[in-house]
Each structure stands twice: as structure tokens, then as C-alpha cells.
Amino acid sequence: MKVFNGKNAANDYMSSHTLAFSTPELTLMRFSFWLADMVPDPNDKENTVPRIMTFVEEKDFEPVNIIDDDKYEPSGAVLQSTAVYGNASGGEGADGLFCSECGIKNSSTAKFCKDCGTNLN
């Protein structure tokens, strides 16, 4: 995937230009004009390309694990014997929800079963 390395571009621009008295809008406008300047192509000196193309890099990103909000897998980090589990208000009064899979009583606002992770909605 080709990605624009804005940090390197900004560092190169700031190191070669004095901007001590410029307003942010003026600085941004000058930076955009600087990026659009035609410069010799690093790969082919006979051609010219916009300077922004010299800051485009080929990067390979790792796939990102997608968190599925509809599937909960208990990690065992919170034990069932604790008084507080997931919901600060407790909510396990007479109107609690029972899990259809394991039969454990959960708080009325629970989205997942605290024992087996089944979706309660």
C-alpha cells in the first residue's frame, strides 16, 4: 500500500524554511504549495514529479484484528465469586436476565452472559 509520510515532509519543510512569524493558515498554505512544486524524479532524473510524490512510501501493514461486539468470550480474568461484575450498579435484582444456554442469572442491563458469553439480546 502506498502511504504519504507527512511527518517526514513536514520535518523537511520546517528545517528549510523560517516560519517564526507566520500564521498557521499561511504556514499550511505555503506547505501545500511547497508539496506541489515540481522536482526531479528520484528514480528518473529526466522527468519531474510533484514533491509530494517523493514522500509516498510503499508500506506493508499487518492485518488488524477486528473486535466483534456481538461475540463475547470470557477470559477468566474476573471470577464469578466477586461481588462486582461488569455493571457498577449491580442490577441483579428481581428483574435479572437468565441465560438460555447455561441458566445463570445476569444483571438486567447485561448484553452477554457472565458465565458462558452467550448474547442475551
N, C-alpha and C. Protein backbone atom coordinates (compact mmCIF):
# COMPACT_ATOMS: atom_id res chain seq x y z
N MET A 1 0.85 -1.15 0.00
CA MET A 1 0.00 0.00 0.00
C MET A 1 0.90 1.23 0.00
N LYS A 2 0.56 2.20 -0.82
CA LYS A 2 1.33 3.44 -0.85
C LYS A 2 0.76 4.42 0.16
N VAL A 3 1.65 4.99 0.96
CA VAL A 3 1.25 5.86 2.06
C VAL A 3 2.08 7.14 2.00
N PHE A 4 1.43 8.29 2.21
CA PHE A 4 2.11 9.58 2.27
C PHE A 4 2.72 9.74 3.66
N ASN A 5 4.03 9.98 3.72
CA ASN A 5 4.71 10.17 5.00
C ASN A 5 4.74 11.66 5.32
N GLY A 6 3.67 12.15 5.90
CA GLY A 6 3.53 13.57 6.21
C GLY A 6 4.51 14.07 7.25
N LYS A 7 4.92 13.20 8.16
CA LYS A 7 5.87 13.62 9.20
C LYS A 7 7.22 13.97 8.58
N ASN A 8 7.71 13.12 7.68
CA ASN A 8 8.98 13.42 7.01
C ASN A 8 8.87 14.67 6.16
N ALA A 9 7.75 14.83 5.46
CA ALA A 9 7.56 16.00 4.61
C ALA A 9 7.56 17.28 5.46
N ALA A 10 6.83 17.25 6.57
CA ALA A 10 6.77 18.43 7.45
C ALA A 10 8.14 18.74 8.05
N ASN A 11 8.87 17.71 8.46
CA ASN A 11 10.21 17.92 9.02
C ASN A 11 11.15 18.53 7.98
N ASP A 12 11.11 18.04 6.74
CA ASP A 12 11.95 18.60 5.67
C ASP A 12 11.58 20.05 5.40
N TYR A 13 10.29 20.35 5.36
CA TYR A 13 9.84 21.71 5.09
C TYR A 13 10.25 22.65 6.21
N MET A 14 10.00 22.26 7.46
CA MET A 14 10.29 23.12 8.60
C MET A 14 11.79 23.35 8.76
N SER A 15 12.61 22.36 8.38
CA SER A 15 14.05 22.53 8.54
C SER A 15 14.65 23.45 7.48
N SER A 16 13.92 23.67 6.38
CA SER A 16 14.48 24.50 5.32
C SER A 16 13.79 25.86 5.17
N HIS A 17 12.77 26.15 6.00
CA HIS A 17 12.05 27.42 5.90
C HIS A 17 11.88 28.03 7.29
N THR A 18 12.01 29.33 7.35
CA THR A 18 11.78 30.02 8.63
C THR A 18 10.33 30.45 8.68
N LEU A 19 9.64 30.02 9.71
CA LEU A 19 8.22 30.31 9.83
C LEU A 19 7.89 30.95 11.17
N ALA A 20 8.84 31.64 11.74
CA ALA A 20 8.66 32.17 13.09
C ALA A 20 7.50 33.15 13.20
N PHE A 21 7.24 33.95 12.17
CA PHE A 21 6.19 34.97 12.27
C PHE A 21 4.98 34.66 11.41
N SER A 22 4.85 33.45 10.94
CA SER A 22 3.73 33.09 10.07
C SER A 22 2.53 32.64 10.89
N THR A 23 1.36 32.89 10.35
CA THR A 23 0.13 32.39 10.96
C THR A 23 -0.04 30.93 10.54
N PRO A 24 -0.79 30.14 11.31
CA PRO A 24 -0.98 28.73 10.94
C PRO A 24 -1.57 28.55 9.54
N GLU A 25 -2.52 29.41 9.14
CA GLU A 25 -3.13 29.29 7.82
C GLU A 25 -2.10 29.54 6.73
N LEU A 26 -1.27 30.56 6.94
CA LEU A 26 -0.24 30.88 5.96
C LEU A 26 0.81 29.77 5.88
N THR A 27 1.18 29.24 7.04
CA THR A 27 2.14 28.14 7.06
C THR A 27 1.60 26.94 6.30
N LEU A 28 0.34 26.59 6.54
CA LEU A 28 -0.27 25.46 5.86
C LEU A 28 -0.35 25.70 4.35
N MET A 29 -0.70 26.93 3.96
CA MET A 29 -0.79 27.26 2.54
C MET A 29 0.59 27.16 1.88
N ARG A 30 1.61 27.69 2.53
CA ARG A 30 2.96 27.60 1.98
C ARG A 30 3.43 26.15 1.91
N PHE A 31 3.09 25.36 2.91
CA PHE A 31 3.46 23.95 2.92
C PHE A 31 2.80 23.21 1.75
N SER A 32 1.53 23.49 1.50
CA SER A 32 0.85 22.83 0.39
C SER A 32 1.44 23.24 -0.95
N PHE A 33 1.81 24.51 -1.11
CA PHE A 33 2.48 24.94 -2.35
C PHE A 33 3.84 24.28 -2.48
N TRP A 34 4.56 24.15 -1.38
CA TRP A 34 5.87 23.51 -1.39
C TRP A 34 5.74 22.04 -1.82
N LEU A 35 4.69 21.35 -1.30
CA LEU A 35 4.47 19.95 -1.69
C LEU A 35 4.11 19.82 -3.17
N ALA A 36 3.49 20.85 -3.74
CA ALA A 36 3.06 20.78 -5.14
C ALA A 36 4.17 21.19 -6.12
N ASP A 37 5.28 21.74 -5.62
CA ASP A 37 6.38 22.12 -6.51
C ASP A 37 6.86 20.92 -7.31
N MET A 38 7.25 21.18 -8.56
CA MET A 38 7.80 20.13 -9.40
C MET A 38 9.29 19.98 -9.10
N VAL A 39 9.72 18.76 -8.83
CA VAL A 39 11.11 18.45 -8.52
C VAL A 39 11.56 17.28 -9.40
N PRO A 40 12.87 17.08 -9.58
CA PRO A 40 13.33 15.93 -10.36
C PRO A 40 12.89 14.62 -9.71
N ASP A 41 12.44 13.69 -10.54
CA ASP A 41 12.01 12.37 -10.07
C ASP A 41 13.23 11.64 -9.51
N PRO A 42 13.17 11.14 -8.25
CA PRO A 42 14.33 10.44 -7.68
C PRO A 42 14.71 9.18 -8.47
N ASN A 43 13.74 8.56 -9.14
CA ASN A 43 14.00 7.33 -9.88
C ASN A 43 14.43 7.60 -11.32
N ASP A 44 13.99 8.72 -11.88
CA ASP A 44 14.28 9.05 -13.27
C ASP A 44 14.58 10.55 -13.33
N LYS A 45 15.85 10.92 -13.34
CA LYS A 45 16.26 12.33 -13.25
C LYS A 45 15.81 13.17 -14.45
N GLU A 46 15.43 12.54 -15.54
CA GLU A 46 14.99 13.30 -16.72
C GLU A 46 13.56 13.82 -16.58
N ASN A 47 12.78 13.21 -15.74
CA ASN A 47 11.38 13.61 -15.55
C ASN A 47 11.22 14.37 -14.24
N THR A 48 10.13 15.11 -14.15
CA THR A 48 9.82 15.81 -12.91
C THR A 48 8.50 15.30 -12.36
N VAL A 49 8.38 15.35 -11.04
CA VAL A 49 7.15 14.93 -10.36
C VAL A 49 6.85 15.95 -9.27
N PRO A 50 5.61 16.04 -8.81
CA PRO A 50 5.32 16.91 -7.66
C PRO A 50 6.10 16.39 -6.44
N ARG A 51 6.58 17.31 -5.62
CA ARG A 51 7.39 16.95 -4.45
C ARG A 51 6.65 15.96 -3.55
N ILE A 52 5.35 16.04 -3.48
CA ILE A 52 4.58 15.13 -2.61
C ILE A 52 4.84 13.67 -2.96
N MET A 53 5.14 13.39 -4.23
CA MET A 53 5.40 12.01 -4.65
C MET A 53 6.71 11.48 -4.08
N THR A 54 7.62 12.36 -3.69
CA THR A 54 8.88 11.90 -3.10
C THR A 54 8.69 11.44 -1.65
N PHE A 55 7.56 11.76 -1.06
CA PHE A 55 7.25 11.35 0.31
C PHE A 55 6.25 10.20 0.36
N VAL A 56 5.90 9.63 -0.79
CA VAL A 56 5.00 8.48 -0.83
C VAL A 56 5.85 7.22 -0.73
N GLU A 57 5.53 6.38 0.24
CA GLU A 57 6.31 5.18 0.51
C GLU A 57 5.43 3.95 0.36
N GLU A 58 6.05 2.85 0.00
CA GLU A 58 5.36 1.57 -0.05
C GLU A 58 5.46 0.94 1.33
N LYS A 59 4.31 0.65 1.95
CA LYS A 59 4.29 0.05 3.29
C LYS A 59 3.43 -1.20 3.27
N ASP A 60 3.82 -2.15 4.07
CA ASP A 60 3.05 -3.38 4.22
C ASP A 60 2.56 -3.43 5.66
N PHE A 61 1.26 -3.33 5.84
CA PHE A 61 0.68 -3.30 7.18
C PHE A 61 0.19 -4.69 7.58
N GLU A 62 0.33 -5.00 8.86
CA GLU A 62 -0.21 -6.25 9.38
C GLU A 62 -1.72 -6.16 9.39
N PRO A 63 -2.39 -7.29 9.15
CA PRO A 63 -3.85 -7.26 9.25
C PRO A 63 -4.28 -6.91 10.68
N VAL A 64 -5.33 -6.16 10.80
CA VAL A 64 -5.83 -5.73 12.10
C VAL A 64 -6.93 -6.68 12.56
N ASN A 65 -6.84 -7.12 13.81
CA ASN A 65 -7.89 -7.98 14.35
C ASN A 65 -9.13 -7.13 14.60
N ILE A 66 -10.24 -7.54 14.05
CA ILE A 66 -11.49 -6.81 14.22
C ILE A 66 -12.20 -7.33 15.46
N ILE A 67 -12.60 -6.42 16.32
CA ILE A 67 -13.31 -6.79 17.54
C ILE A 67 -14.79 -6.90 17.21
N ASP A 68 -15.35 -8.06 17.47
CA ASP A 68 -16.76 -8.30 17.18
C ASP A 68 -17.55 -8.05 18.45
N ASP A 69 -18.38 -7.00 18.43
CA ASP A 69 -19.16 -6.65 19.62
C ASP A 69 -20.30 -7.62 19.90
N ASP A 70 -20.65 -8.46 18.94
CA ASP A 70 -21.75 -9.40 19.14
C ASP A 70 -21.29 -10.75 19.69
N LYS A 71 -19.98 -10.94 19.81
CA LYS A 71 -19.46 -12.20 20.32
C LYS A 71 -18.53 -11.90 21.48
N TYR A 72 -18.85 -12.41 22.63
CA TYR A 72 -18.04 -12.20 23.83
C TYR A 72 -17.46 -13.53 24.27
N GLU A 73 -16.17 -13.57 24.51
CA GLU A 73 -15.53 -14.78 25.01
C GLU A 73 -14.93 -14.45 26.37
N PRO A 74 -15.44 -15.03 27.44
CA PRO A 74 -14.90 -14.74 28.77
C PRO A 74 -13.45 -15.17 28.86
N SER A 75 -12.60 -14.31 29.41
CA SER A 75 -11.18 -14.60 29.51
C SER A 75 -10.82 -15.26 30.84
N GLY A 76 -11.71 -15.22 31.80
CA GLY A 76 -11.42 -15.76 33.11
C GLY A 76 -10.72 -14.76 34.01
N ALA A 77 -10.52 -13.52 33.53
CA ALA A 77 -9.83 -12.51 34.32
C ALA A 77 -10.66 -12.08 35.52
N VAL A 78 -11.98 -12.12 35.40
CA VAL A 78 -12.85 -11.74 36.50
C VAL A 78 -13.56 -13.01 36.98
N LEU A 79 -13.41 -13.31 38.25
CA LEU A 79 -14.00 -14.51 38.80
C LEU A 79 -15.47 -14.29 39.12
N GLN A 80 -16.25 -15.37 39.08
CA GLN A 80 -17.67 -15.26 39.38
C GLN A 80 -17.93 -14.95 40.85
N SER A 81 -17.00 -15.30 41.71
CA SER A 81 -17.23 -15.12 43.15
C SER A 81 -17.14 -13.66 43.59
N THR A 82 -16.69 -12.77 42.71
CA THR A 82 -16.59 -11.36 43.10
C THR A 82 -17.96 -10.72 43.12
N ALA A 83 -18.12 -9.71 43.95
CA ALA A 83 -19.42 -9.05 44.08
C ALA A 83 -19.71 -8.15 42.90
N VAL A 84 -18.68 -7.50 42.33
CA VAL A 84 -18.89 -6.58 41.21
C VAL A 84 -18.45 -7.29 39.94
N TYR A 85 -19.34 -7.37 38.97
CA TYR A 85 -19.01 -8.00 37.70
C TYR A 85 -19.63 -7.22 36.55
N GLY A 86 -18.86 -6.44 35.89
CA GLY A 86 -19.30 -5.80 34.66
C GLY A 86 -20.17 -4.57 34.84
N ASN A 87 -21.10 -4.59 35.73
CA ASN A 87 -22.04 -3.49 35.87
C ASN A 87 -21.88 -2.88 37.26
N ALA A 88 -21.55 -1.60 37.32
CA ALA A 88 -21.28 -0.95 38.61
C ALA A 88 -22.51 -0.91 39.50
N SER A 89 -23.70 -0.84 38.89
CA SER A 89 -24.91 -0.73 39.70
C SER A 89 -25.38 -2.07 40.23
N GLY A 90 -24.78 -3.14 39.80
CA GLY A 90 -25.21 -4.46 40.26
C GLY A 90 -26.38 -4.96 39.45
N GLY A 91 -27.49 -4.32 39.50
CA GLY A 91 -28.65 -4.59 38.66
C GLY A 91 -29.19 -6.00 38.70
N GLU A 92 -28.77 -6.82 39.64
CA GLU A 92 -29.22 -8.21 39.66
C GLU A 92 -30.40 -8.38 40.62
N GLY A 93 -31.32 -7.48 40.57
CA GLY A 93 -32.50 -7.59 41.43
C GLY A 93 -33.47 -8.61 40.87
N ALA A 94 -34.74 -8.42 41.13
CA ALA A 94 -35.78 -9.36 40.70
C ALA A 94 -35.92 -9.38 39.19
N ASP A 95 -35.49 -8.33 38.50
CA ASP A 95 -35.69 -8.27 37.05
C ASP A 95 -34.43 -8.67 36.28
N GLY A 96 -33.58 -9.54 36.82
CA GLY A 96 -32.37 -10.00 36.15
C GLY A 96 -32.71 -10.89 34.96
N LEU A 97 -31.75 -11.08 34.07
CA LEU A 97 -31.92 -11.92 32.90
C LEU A 97 -31.29 -13.28 33.13
N PHE A 98 -31.97 -14.31 32.70
CA PHE A 98 -31.41 -15.65 32.79
C PHE A 98 -30.87 -16.04 31.43
N CYS A 99 -29.72 -16.69 31.42
CA CYS A 99 -29.10 -17.14 30.18
C CYS A 99 -29.84 -18.36 29.66
N SER A 100 -30.13 -18.37 28.36
CA SER A 100 -30.84 -19.50 27.77
C SER A 100 -29.94 -20.72 27.59
N GLU A 101 -28.64 -20.52 27.64
CA GLU A 101 -27.69 -21.62 27.44
C GLU A 101 -27.31 -22.30 28.76
N CYS A 102 -26.92 -21.50 29.76
CA CYS A 102 -26.42 -22.11 31.00
C CYS A 102 -27.32 -21.87 32.20
N GLY A 103 -28.28 -20.96 32.09
CA GLY A 103 -29.22 -20.72 33.18
C GLY A 103 -28.74 -19.78 34.27
N ILE A 104 -27.56 -19.19 34.13
CA ILE A 104 -27.03 -18.26 35.13
C ILE A 104 -27.82 -16.96 35.08
N LYS A 105 -28.08 -16.38 36.27
CA LYS A 105 -28.79 -15.10 36.34
C LYS A 105 -27.79 -13.97 36.14
N ASN A 106 -28.10 -13.06 35.21
CA ASN A 106 -27.26 -11.91 34.90
C ASN A 106 -28.01 -10.63 35.24
N SER A 107 -27.31 -9.50 35.23
CA SER A 107 -27.97 -8.23 35.52
C SER A 107 -28.95 -7.91 34.39
N SER A 108 -29.89 -7.04 34.68
CA SER A 108 -30.92 -6.70 33.70
C SER A 108 -30.36 -5.89 32.53
N THR A 109 -29.20 -5.28 32.70
CA THR A 109 -28.60 -4.48 31.63
C THR A 109 -27.48 -5.22 30.90
N ALA A 110 -27.25 -6.49 31.24
CA ALA A 110 -26.15 -7.25 30.64
C ALA A 110 -26.45 -7.53 29.17
N LYS A 111 -25.41 -7.48 28.37
CA LYS A 111 -25.53 -7.79 26.95
C LYS A 111 -25.13 -9.24 26.69
N PHE A 112 -24.19 -9.74 27.50
CA PHE A 112 -23.69 -11.10 27.37
C PHE A 112 -23.78 -11.81 28.71
N CYS A 113 -23.88 -13.13 28.68
CA CYS A 113 -23.88 -13.93 29.90
C CYS A 113 -22.49 -13.87 30.53
N LYS A 114 -22.45 -13.66 31.85
CA LYS A 114 -21.15 -13.52 32.51
C LYS A 114 -20.46 -14.87 32.67
N ASP A 115 -21.17 -15.96 32.45
CA ASP A 115 -20.55 -17.28 32.60
C ASP A 115 -20.10 -17.87 31.26
N CYS A 116 -21.01 -17.90 30.29
CA CYS A 116 -20.69 -18.58 29.03
C CYS A 116 -20.51 -17.63 27.85
N GLY A 117 -20.89 -16.36 27.98
CA GLY A 117 -20.69 -15.39 26.91
C GLY A 117 -21.79 -15.35 25.88
N THR A 118 -22.88 -16.03 26.08
CA THR A 118 -23.98 -16.03 25.12
C THR A 118 -24.61 -14.65 25.05
N ASN A 119 -24.98 -14.23 23.85
CA ASN A 119 -25.64 -12.94 23.64
C ASN A 119 -27.02 -13.00 24.26
N LEU A 120 -27.32 -12.08 25.19
CA LEU A 120 -28.60 -12.08 25.90
C LEU A 120 -29.68 -11.28 25.20
N ASN A 121 -29.33 -10.52 24.18
CA ASN A 121 -30.33 -9.68 23.49
C ASN A 121 -31.07 -10.44 22.43
